Amino acid sequence: MRKPRIGIFDFACCEGCQLQIVNLEEEILDLLGVVTPVEWREAMSDQAEKGESFDIALVEGSITREEDAERLREIRARAKFLIALGACATIGGVNKLKNNFGMNDVKETVYGEAADMPHLETMPTKALHEVVQVDYMVHGCPIEAAELAHVVRTLLAGKTPTLPAYPVCVECKLKENACRFEFGEICLGPITRAGCGARCPSEGSWCFGCRGLVDDPNTQAAREVMAHYGKTIDDLRGKMLLFNSK
């Protein structure tokens, strides 16, 4: 029986989420026993022929050029399931910071006198779902390797993966962490999707929001928390820009 075929692709990103796949260590060997990787630029020398199909395409990175949008559409056409891998792919990530400025200003800041060269053309950053249909998202910067393994294994079993739909604050309370607001910080935990085990607050930092907004954020509760600690909604919006710019 043919094993499911998987392709792994990247766009504008640091490729840290792909390294998390390698960090699966022993589990990656188990996965390789039930799937066939056919395209993975970072880890394979032999790649699939153009036009070959995939059962699952794992795609990391955001879309910052029209030529990349076209390549993503071609990948989508070849894949039964397309999974967005990491913050750049799921919400645009840090790359979306540039959307707060004019594209000419962005290019001039980065490239100076070379900004007008054709090969440096750019556009406002988009997450994958803003270009094509995305079937599942594995959030985070970087992703949680165990969460990716869960999604892939569940799909291979013919079932629908389920991921947390509650905020990071729930995981923080389960770990009995002191609230970062108590330290005078602004934490995005009340409105950010859980699944990371409250990694940043557990290590003494506020939540940066890299997993994106929870589907149904309790905005009233967030307002009450901000008011209790003498913070404003504008303070919160300022922190959201890092990973949740539009």
C-alpha atoms as a PDB file:
ATOM      1  CA  MET A   1       0.000   0.000   0.000  1.00  0.00           C
ATOM      2  CA  ARG A   2       1.323   3.459  -0.936  1.00  0.00           C
ATOM      3  CA  LYS A   3       2.386   5.546   2.035  1.00  0.00           C
ATOM      4  CA  PRO A   4       0.984   9.115   2.251  1.00  0.00           C
ATOM      5  CA  ARG A   5       3.218  11.656   0.532  1.00  0.00           C
ATOM      6  CA  ILE A   6       4.316  14.809   2.357  1.00  0.00           C
ATOM      7  CA  GLY A   7       5.939  17.956   0.971  1.00  0.00           C
ATOM      8  CA  ILE A   8       7.450  20.695   3.150  1.00  0.00           C
ATOM      9  CA  PHE A   9       7.788  24.212   1.736  1.00  0.00           C
ATOM     10  CA  ASP A  10       8.889  27.634   2.958  1.00  0.00           C
ATOM     11  CA  PHE A  11       8.362  31.271   2.057  1.00  0.00           C
ATOM     12  CA  ALA A  12       9.384  34.427   4.001  1.00  0.00           C
ATOM     13  CA  CYS A  13      10.537  33.092   7.384  1.00  0.00           C
ATOM     14  CA  CYS A  14      13.555  32.090   9.460  1.00  0.00           C
ATOM     15  CA  GLU A  15      12.835  28.361   8.889  1.00  0.00           C
ATOM     16  CA  GLY A  16      12.815  27.781  12.654  1.00  0.00           C
ATOM     17  CA  CYS A  17       9.572  25.840  12.450  1.00  0.00           C
ATOM     18  CA  GLN A  18      11.154  23.350  10.062  1.00  0.00           C
ATOM     19  CA  LEU A  19      13.944  22.870  12.599  1.00  0.00           C
ATOM     20  CA  GLN A  20      11.256  21.911  15.092  1.00  0.00           C
ATOM     21  CA  ILE A  21      10.350  19.044  12.777  1.00  0.00           C
ATOM     22  CA  VAL A  22      13.921  17.810  13.024  1.00  0.00           C
ATOM     23  CA  ASN A  23      13.670  18.279  16.806  1.00  0.00           C
ATOM     24  CA  LEU A  24      11.025  15.551  16.886  1.00  0.00           C
ATOM     25  CA  GLU A  25      14.099  13.279  17.069  1.00  0.00           C
ATOM     26  CA  GLU A  26      12.924   9.690  17.701  1.00  0.00           C
ATOM     27  CA  GLU A  27       9.325  10.505  16.770  1.00  0.00           C
ATOM     28  CA  ILE A  28      10.363  11.736  13.335  1.00  0.00           C
ATOM     29  CA  LEU A  29      11.693   8.238  12.661  1.00  0.00           C
ATOM     30  CA  ASP A  30       8.288   6.811  13.584  1.00  0.00           C
ATOM     31  CA  LEU A  31       6.574   9.305  11.253  1.00  0.00           C
ATOM     32  CA  LEU A  32       8.964   8.451   8.429  1.00  0.00           C
ATOM     33  CA  GLY A  33       7.846   4.862   8.812  1.00  0.00           C
ATOM     34  CA  VAL A  34       4.288   5.753   7.824  1.00  0.00           C
ATOM     35  CA  VAL A  35       4.799   8.610   5.327  1.00  0.00           C
ATOM     36  CA  THR A  36       6.990   9.371   2.339  1.00  0.00           C
ATOM     37  CA  PRO A  37       8.639  12.824   2.306  1.00  0.00           C
ATOM     38  CA  VAL A  38       8.911  13.776  -1.369  1.00  0.00           C
ATOM     39  CA  GLU A  39       9.901  17.430  -1.193  1.00  0.00           C
ATOM     40  CA  TRP A  40      11.772  19.287   1.563  1.00  0.00           C
ATOM     41  CA  ARG A  41      14.413  21.761   0.421  1.00  0.00           C
ATOM     42  CA  GLU A  42      15.991  22.094   3.870  1.00  0.00           C
ATOM     43  CA  ALA A  43      16.561  18.399   4.448  1.00  0.00           C
ATOM     44  CA  MET A  44      16.413  16.505   1.133  1.00  0.00           C
ATOM     45  CA  SER A  45      18.598  16.416  -1.957  1.00  0.00           C
ATOM     46  CA  ASP A  46      16.085  14.538  -4.152  1.00  0.00           C
ATOM     47  CA  GLN A  47      12.900  16.514  -4.726  1.00  0.00           C
ATOM     48  CA  ALA A  48       9.543  15.673  -6.262  1.00  0.00           C
ATOM     49  CA  GLU A  49       8.963  16.293  -9.929  1.00  0.00           C
ATOM     50  CA  LYS A  50       6.986  19.427 -10.730  1.00  0.00           C
ATOM     51  CA  GLY A  51       3.276  18.652 -10.806  1.00  0.00           C
ATOM     52  CA  GLU A  52       3.407  15.656  -8.457  1.00  0.00           C
ATOM     53  CA  SER A  53       0.708  15.589  -5.812  1.00  0.00           C
ATOM     54  CA  PHE A  54       0.946  15.446  -2.017  1.00  0.00           C
ATOM     55  CA  ASP A  55      -1.372  14.046   0.593  1.00  0.00           C
ATOM     56  CA  ILE A  56      -0.131  16.732   3.003  1.00  0.00           C
ATOM     57  CA  ALA A  57       1.746  19.960   2.284  1.00  0.00           C
ATOM     58  CA  LEU A  58       3.353  21.643   5.295  1.00  0.00           C
ATOM     59  CA  VAL A  59       4.008  25.288   4.465  1.00  0.00           C
ATOM     60  CA  GLU A  60       6.088  27.687   6.560  1.00  0.00           C
ATOM     61  CA  GLY A  61       6.454  31.440   6.010  1.00  0.00           C
ATOM     62  CA  SER A  62       4.386  34.418   4.927  1.00  0.00           C
ATOM     63  CA  ILE A  63       3.699  35.720   1.420  1.00  0.00           C
ATOM     64  CA  THR A  64       5.526  38.949   0.583  1.00  0.00           C
ATOM     65  CA  ARG A  65       5.740  38.858  -3.230  1.00  0.00           C
ATOM     66  CA  GLU A  66       3.218  38.140  -5.956  1.00  0.00           C
ATOM     67  CA  GLU A  67       5.485  35.442  -7.413  1.00  0.00           C
ATOM     68  CA  ASP A  68       5.346  33.684  -4.038  1.00  0.00           C
ATOM     69  CA  ALA A  69       1.550  33.898  -4.041  1.00  0.00           C
ATOM     70  CA  GLU A  70       1.552  32.130  -7.420  1.00  0.00           C
ATOM     71  CA  ARG A  71       3.882  29.417  -6.105  1.00  0.00           C
ATOM     72  CA  LEU A  72       1.630  28.922  -3.068  1.00  0.00           C
ATOM     73  CA  ARG A  73      -1.398  28.502  -5.343  1.00  0.00           C
ATOM     74  CA  GLU A  74       0.493  25.841  -7.291  1.00  0.00           C
ATOM     75  CA  ILE A  75       1.330  23.988  -4.040  1.00  0.00           C
ATOM     76  CA  ARG A  76      -2.304  24.237  -2.969  1.00  0.00           C
ATOM     77  CA  ALA A  77      -3.429  22.693  -6.241  1.00  0.00           C
ATOM     78  CA  ARG A  78      -1.137  19.713  -5.663  1.00  0.00           C
ATOM     79  CA  ALA A  79      -2.065  19.051  -2.017  1.00  0.00           C
ATOM     80  CA  LYS A  80      -5.007  17.186  -0.499  1.00  0.00           C
ATOM     81  CA  PHE A  81      -4.386  18.926   2.832  1.00  0.00           C
ATOM     82  CA  LEU A  82      -2.419  22.140   3.310  1.00  0.00           C
ATOM     83  CA  ILE A  83      -1.170  22.908   6.818  1.00  0.00           C
ATOM     84  CA  ALA A  84       0.134  26.376   7.716  1.00  0.00           C
ATOM     85  CA  LEU A  85       3.214  25.951   9.870  1.00  0.00           C
ATOM     86  CA  GLY A  86       4.087  28.630  12.436  1.00  0.00           C
ATOM     87  CA  ALA A  87       3.208  32.273  13.059  1.00  0.00           C
ATOM     88  CA  CYS A  88       4.490  33.608   9.721  1.00  0.00           C
ATOM     89  CA  ALA A  89       2.205  31.201   7.859  1.00  0.00           C
ATOM     90  CA  THR A  90      -0.827  31.314  10.176  1.00  0.00           C
ATOM     91  CA  ILE A  91      -1.052  35.052  10.972  1.00  0.00           C
ATOM     92  CA  GLY A  92       1.715  36.725   8.952  1.00  0.00           C
ATOM     93  CA  GLY A  93       3.962  36.908  12.003  1.00  0.00           C
ATOM     94  CA  VAL A  94       6.698  39.475  12.525  1.00  0.00           C
ATOM     95  CA  ASN A  95       6.825  40.001   8.758  1.00  0.00           C
ATOM     96  CA  LYS A  96       3.486  41.824   8.941  1.00  0.00           C
ATOM     97  CA  LEU A  97       5.114  44.663  10.869  1.00  0.00           C
ATOM     98  CA  LYS A  98       5.971  46.198   7.508  1.00  0.00           C
ATOM     99  CA  ASN A  99       2.259  46.539   6.703  1.00  0.00           C
ATOM    100  CA  ASN A 100       2.167  49.491   9.100  1.00  0.00           C
ATOM    101  CA  PHE A 101       4.221  51.483   6.572  1.00  0.00           C
ATOM    102  CA  GLY A 102       4.191  52.275   2.864  1.00  0.00           C
ATOM    103  CA  MET A 103       5.941  49.655   0.747  1.00  0.00           C
ATOM    104  CA  ASN A 104       8.265  52.252  -0.816  1.00  0.00           C
ATOM    105  CA  ASP A 105       9.286  53.417   2.657  1.00  0.00           C
ATOM    106  CA  VAL A 106       9.943  49.812   3.675  1.00  0.00           C
ATOM    107  CA  LYS A 107      12.139  49.128   0.642  1.00  0.00           C
ATOM    108  CA  GLU A 108      14.115  52.346   1.042  1.00  0.00           C
ATOM    109  CA  THR A 109      14.718  51.633   4.720  1.00  0.00           C
ATOM    110  CA  VAL A 110      15.997  48.130   4.016  1.00  0.00           C
ATOM    111  CA  TYR A 111      17.756  48.515   0.664  1.00  0.00           C
ATOM    112  CA  GLY A 112      18.604  52.212   0.444  1.00  0.00           C
ATOM    113  CA  GLU A 113      19.631  53.297  -3.061  1.00  0.00           C
ATOM    114  CA  ALA A 114      18.971  49.790  -4.430  1.00  0.00           C
ATOM    115  CA  ALA A 115      15.280  49.913  -3.439  1.00  0.00           C
ATOM    116  CA  ASP A 116      14.046  50.379  -7.023  1.00  0.00           C
ATOM    117  CA  MET A 117      15.734  47.238  -8.396  1.00  0.00           C
ATOM    118  CA  PRO A 118      13.075  44.916  -9.897  1.00  0.00           C
ATOM    119  CA  HIS A 119      14.152  41.799  -7.975  1.00  0.00           C
ATOM    120  CA  LEU A 120      13.493  43.613  -4.679  1.00  0.00           C
ATOM    121  CA  GLU A 121       9.804  44.175  -5.409  1.00  0.00           C
ATOM    122  CA  THR A 122       7.535  43.515  -2.431  1.00  0.00           C
ATOM    123  CA  MET A 123       3.921  43.771  -1.329  1.00  0.00           C
ATOM    124  CA  PRO A 124       2.025  43.894   1.980  1.00  0.00           C
ATOM    125  CA  THR A 125       2.629  40.649   3.853  1.00  0.00           C
ATOM    126  CA  LYS A 126      -0.132  38.033   3.852  1.00  0.00           C
ATOM    127  CA  ALA A 127      -0.709  34.909   5.891  1.00  0.00           C
ATOM    128  CA  LEU A 128      -1.325  31.777   3.819  1.00  0.00           C
ATOM    129  CA  HIS A 129      -5.105  31.762   4.344  1.00  0.00           C
ATOM    130  CA  GLU A 130      -5.275  35.243   2.830  1.00  0.00           C
ATOM    131  CA  VAL A 131      -4.087  33.735  -0.466  1.00  0.00           C
ATOM    132  CA  VAL A 132      -5.367  30.141  -0.558  1.00  0.00           C
ATOM    133  CA  GLN A 133      -7.570  27.798   1.449  1.00  0.00           C
ATOM    134  CA  VAL A 134      -5.718  26.430   4.489  1.00  0.00           C
ATOM    135  CA  ASP A 135      -7.027  23.211   6.024  1.00  0.00           C
ATOM    136  CA  TYR A 136      -5.247  23.323   9.384  1.00  0.00           C
ATOM    137  CA  MET A 137      -2.959  25.674  11.276  1.00  0.00           C
ATOM    138  CA  VAL A 138      -0.111  24.820  13.642  1.00  0.00           C
ATOM    139  CA  HIS A 139       0.529  28.043  15.522  1.00  0.00           C
ATOM    140  CA  GLY A 140       3.537  29.496  17.334  1.00  0.00           C
ATOM    141  CA  CYS A 141       6.970  31.039  16.851  1.00  0.00           C
ATOM    142  CA  PRO A 142       8.332  28.464  16.629  1.00  0.00           C
ATOM    143  CA  ILE A 143       5.689  25.746  16.535  1.00  0.00           C
ATOM    144  CA  GLU A 144       5.313  23.127  19.251  1.00  0.00           C
ATOM    145  CA  ALA A 145       6.768  19.979  17.699  1.00  0.00           C
ATOM    146  CA  ALA A 146       4.364  17.721  19.604  1.00  0.00           C
ATOM    147  CA  GLU A 147       1.396  19.703  18.279  1.00  0.00           C
ATOM    148  CA  LEU A 148       2.554  19.204  14.691  1.00  0.00           C
ATOM    149  CA  ALA A 149       3.016  15.482  15.303  1.00  0.00           C
ATOM    150  CA  HIS A 150      -0.530  15.320  16.694  1.00  0.00           C
ATOM    151  CA  VAL A 151      -2.003  17.057  13.634  1.00  0.00           C
ATOM    152  CA  VAL A 152      -0.134  14.868  11.135  1.00  0.00           C
ATOM    153  CA  ARG A 153      -0.876  11.618  12.956  1.00  0.00           C
ATOM    154  CA  THR A 154      -4.564  12.503  13.329  1.00  0.00           C
ATOM    155  CA  LEU A 155      -4.886  13.294   9.617  1.00  0.00           C
ATOM    156  CA  LEU A 156      -3.145  10.055   8.691  1.00  0.00           C
ATOM    157  CA  ALA A 157      -5.678   8.219  10.849  1.00  0.00           C
ATOM    158  CA  GLY A 158      -8.502   9.819   8.869  1.00  0.00           C
ATOM    159  CA  LYS A 159      -9.669  11.957  11.777  1.00  0.00           C
ATOM    160  CA  THR A 160      -9.978  15.707  12.371  1.00  0.00           C
ATOM    161  CA  PRO A 161      -7.278  17.293  14.575  1.00  0.00           C
ATOM    162  CA  THR A 162      -8.476  19.352  17.523  1.00  0.00           C
ATOM    163  CA  LEU A 163      -6.380  22.187  18.933  1.00  0.00           C
ATOM    164  CA  PRO A 164      -6.922  24.418  21.980  1.00  0.00           C
ATOM    165  CA  ALA A 165      -9.634  27.066  21.573  1.00  0.00           C
ATOM    166  CA  TYR A 166      -9.004  28.804  24.897  1.00  0.00           C
ATOM    167  CA  PRO A 167      -6.502  31.534  25.878  1.00  0.00           C
ATOM    168  CA  VAL A 168      -2.966  31.176  27.237  1.00  0.00           C
ATOM    169  CA  CYS A 169      -4.233  32.429  30.613  1.00  0.00           C
ATOM    170  CA  VAL A 170      -5.829  29.012  31.177  1.00  0.00           C
ATOM    171  CA  GLU A 171      -2.463  27.287  30.829  1.00  0.00           C
ATOM    172  CA  CYS A 172      -0.832  29.942  33.016  1.00  0.00           C
ATOM    173  CA  LYS A 173      -3.314  29.305  35.827  1.00  0.00           C
ATOM    174  CA  LEU A 174      -2.845  25.535  35.529  1.00  0.00           C
ATOM    175  CA  LYS A 175       0.882  26.087  36.032  1.00  0.00           C
ATOM    176  CA  GLU A 176       0.201  28.461  38.949  1.00  0.00           C
ATOM    177  CA  ASN A 177       2.266  31.203  37.329  1.00  0.00           C
ATOM    178  CA  ALA A 178       2.178  34.686  38.807  1.00  0.00           C
ATOM    179  CA  CYS A 179       0.280  36.959  36.391  1.00  0.00           C
ATOM    180  CA  ARG A 180       2.665  39.125  34.377  1.00  0.00           C
ATOM    181  CA  PHE A 181       0.382  42.127  34.963  1.00  0.00           C
ATOM    182  CA  GLU A 182       1.466  41.921  38.605  1.00  0.00           C
ATOM    183  CA  PHE A 183       4.964  42.864  37.396  1.00  0.00           C
ATOM    184  CA  GLY A 184       3.707  45.975  35.592  1.00  0.00           C
ATOM    185  CA  GLU A 185       3.838  44.263  32.199  1.00  0.00           C
ATOM    186  CA  ILE A 186       1.191  44.023  29.497  1.00  0.00           C
ATOM    187  CA  CYS A 187       0.604  40.363  28.676  1.00  0.00           C
ATOM    188  CA  LEU A 188      -1.350  39.143  25.656  1.00  0.00           C
ATOM    189  CA  GLY A 189      -2.284  35.888  27.380  1.00  0.00           C
ATOM    190  CA  PRO A 190      -5.968  36.843  27.849  1.00  0.00           C
ATOM    191  CA  ILE A 191      -6.551  37.046  24.073  1.00  0.00           C
ATOM    192  CA  THR A 192      -3.920  34.662  22.633  1.00  0.00           C
ATOM    193  CA  ARG A 193      -4.587  31.066  21.575  1.00  0.00           C
ATOM    194  CA  ALA A 194      -3.228  28.456  23.987  1.00  0.00           C
ATOM    195  CA  GLY A 195      -1.269  25.329  23.118  1.00  0.00           C
ATOM    196  CA  CYS A 196       2.270  26.374  24.045  1.00  0.00           C
ATOM    197  CA  GLY A 197       1.970  25.475  27.714  1.00  0.00           C
ATOM    198  CA  ALA A 198       2.284  29.181  28.584  1.00  0.00           C
ATOM    199  CA  ARG A 199       5.932  28.929  27.599  1.00  0.00           C
ATOM    200  CA  CYS A 200       6.878  32.621  27.844  1.00  0.00           C
ATOM    201  CA  PRO A 201       5.108  33.468  31.128  1.00  0.00           C
ATOM    202  CA  SER A 202       6.518  30.280  32.637  1.00  0.00           C
ATOM    203  CA  GLU A 203      10.007  31.559  31.794  1.00  0.00           C
ATOM    204  CA  GLY A 204       9.385  35.005  33.311  1.00  0.00           C
ATOM    205  CA  SER A 205       8.210  36.970  30.277  1.00  0.00           C
ATOM    206  CA  TRP A 206       4.872  38.271  29.039  1.00  0.00           C
ATOM    207  CA  CYS A 207       2.981  36.520  26.236  1.00  0.00           C
ATOM    208  CA  PHE A 208       3.925  38.040  22.860  1.00  0.00           C
ATOM    209  CA  GLY A 209       0.856  36.703  21.053  1.00  0.00           C
ATOM    210  CA  CYS A 210       2.757  34.527  18.559  1.00  0.00           C
ATOM    211  CA  ARG A 211      -0.052  31.954  18.382  1.00  0.00           C
ATOM    212  CA  GLY A 212      -2.567  34.542  17.198  1.00  0.00           C
ATOM    213  CA  LEU A 213      -5.882  35.575  18.701  1.00  0.00           C
ATOM    214  CA  VAL A 214      -8.162  32.980  20.230  1.00  0.00           C
ATOM    215  CA  ASP A 215     -11.229  32.481  18.020  1.00  0.00           C
ATOM    216  CA  ASP A 216     -13.657  34.063  20.472  1.00  0.00           C
ATOM    217  CA  PRO A 217     -11.597  36.320  22.763  1.00  0.00           C
ATOM    218  CA  ASN A 218     -13.270  37.570  25.930  1.00  0.00           C
ATOM    219  CA  THR A 219     -12.653  41.229  25.131  1.00  0.00           C
ATOM    220  CA  GLN A 220     -14.681  42.431  28.100  1.00  0.00           C
ATOM    221  CA  ALA A 221     -12.518  40.419  30.503  1.00  0.00           C
ATOM    222  CA  ALA A 222      -9.415  41.804  28.784  1.00  0.00           C
ATOM    223  CA  ARG A 223     -10.717  45.351  29.281  1.00  0.00           C
ATOM    224  CA  GLU A 224     -11.383  44.655  32.949  1.00  0.00           C
ATOM    225  CA  VAL A 225      -7.872  43.277  33.447  1.00  0.00           C
ATOM    226  CA  MET A 226      -6.338  46.302  31.731  1.00  0.00           C
ATOM    227  CA  ALA A 227      -8.431  48.701  33.816  1.00  0.00           C
ATOM    228  CA  HIS A 228      -7.558  46.889  37.051  1.00  0.00           C
ATOM    229  CA  TYR A 229      -3.845  47.325  36.381  1.00  0.00           C
ATOM    230  CA  GLY A 230      -4.097  50.902  35.121  1.00  0.00           C
ATOM    231  CA  LYS A 231      -3.433  50.049  31.469  1.00  0.00           C
ATOM    232  CA  THR A 232      -5.320  51.213  28.384  1.00  0.00           C
ATOM    233  CA  ILE A 233      -6.580  49.470  25.262  1.00  0.00           C
ATOM    234  CA  ASP A 234      -4.025  51.483  23.274  1.00  0.00           C
ATOM    235  CA  ASP A 235      -1.304  49.938  25.460  1.00  0.00           C
ATOM    236  CA  LEU A 236      -2.637  46.507  24.503  1.00  0.00           C
ATOM    237  CA  ARG A 237      -2.871  47.347  20.812  1.00  0.00           C
ATOM    238  CA  GLY A 238       0.744  48.510  20.838  1.00  0.00           C
ATOM    239  CA  LYS A 239       1.900  45.116  22.109  1.00  0.00           C
ATOM    240  CA  MET A 240      -0.249  43.309  19.534  1.00  0.00           C
ATOM    241  CA  LEU A 241       1.618  44.864  16.605  1.00  0.00           C
ATOM    242  CA  LEU A 242       4.612  42.514  16.910  1.00  0.00           C
ATOM    243  CA  PHE A 243       2.738  39.365  15.861  1.00  0.00           C
ATOM    244  CA  ASN A 244      -0.759  40.566  15.042  1.00  0.00           C
ATOM    245  CA  SER A 245      -0.380  43.480  12.645  1.00  0.00           C
ATOM    246  CA  LYS A 246      -2.984  43.609   9.874  1.00  0.00           C
END
